[in-house]
Amino acid sequence: MDAIRKRKGLLTDELIVINAEKQRTLKRNR
C-alpha cells in the first residue's frame, strides 16, 4: 500500500513539474 502511494505521489509530482515547465516555456515564447 505504502509503495503504491509513494509511486503515485512521485508520478503526480513529475506531472506537476512537467506541466509547470510547459507553462513557463509557453509564457516565455509569447
C-alpha atoms as a PDB file:
ATOM      1  CA  MET A   1       0.000   0.000   0.000  1.00  0.00           C
ATOM      2  CA  ASP A   2       2.706   2.477   1.019  1.00  0.00           C
ATOM      3  CA  ALA A   3       4.825   1.657  -2.029  1.00  0.00           C
ATOM      4  CA  ILE A   4       1.882   2.230  -4.369  1.00  0.00           C
ATOM      5  CA  ARG A   5       1.032   5.502  -2.635  1.00  0.00           C
ATOM      6  CA  LYS A   6       4.667   6.637  -2.925  1.00  0.00           C
ATOM      7  CA  ARG A   7       4.782   5.654  -6.592  1.00  0.00           C
ATOM      8  CA  LYS A   8       1.558   7.549  -7.312  1.00  0.00           C
ATOM      9  CA  GLY A   9       2.899  10.566  -5.426  1.00  0.00           C
ATOM     10  CA  LEU A  10       6.106  10.547  -7.491  1.00  0.00           C
ATOM     11  CA  LEU A  11       4.137  10.275 -10.737  1.00  0.00           C
ATOM     12  CA  THR A  12       1.837  13.161  -9.794  1.00  0.00           C
ATOM     13  CA  ASP A  13       4.843  15.248  -8.708  1.00  0.00           C
ATOM     14  CA  GLU A  14       6.526  14.594 -12.063  1.00  0.00           C
ATOM     15  CA  LEU A  15       3.346  15.559 -13.942  1.00  0.00           C
ATOM     16  CA  ILE A  16       3.056  18.779 -11.920  1.00  0.00           C
ATOM     17  CA  VAL A  17       6.699  19.654 -12.630  1.00  0.00           C
ATOM     18  CA  ILE A  18       6.299  18.898 -16.354  1.00  0.00           C
ATOM     19  CA  ASN A  19       3.119  20.997 -16.541  1.00  0.00           C
ATOM     20  CA  ALA A  20       4.823  23.861 -14.689  1.00  0.00           C
ATOM     21  CA  GLU A  21       7.775  23.760 -17.100  1.00  0.00           C
ATOM     22  CA  LYS A  22       5.413  23.695 -20.103  1.00  0.00           C
ATOM     23  CA  GLN A  23       3.537  26.738 -18.780  1.00  0.00           C
ATOM     24  CA  ARG A  24       6.855  28.505 -18.158  1.00  0.00           C
ATOM     25  CA  THR A  25       8.056  27.862 -21.724  1.00  0.00           C
ATOM     26  CA  LEU A  26       4.690  28.920 -23.164  1.00  0.00           C
ATOM     27  CA  LYS A  27       4.827  32.213 -21.245  1.00  0.00           C
ATOM     28  CA  ARG A  28       8.428  32.746 -22.361  1.00  0.00           C
ATOM     29  CA  ASN A  29       7.583  32.079 -26.019  1.00  0.00           C
ATOM     30  CA  ARG A  30       4.687  34.560 -26.018  1.00  0.00           C
END
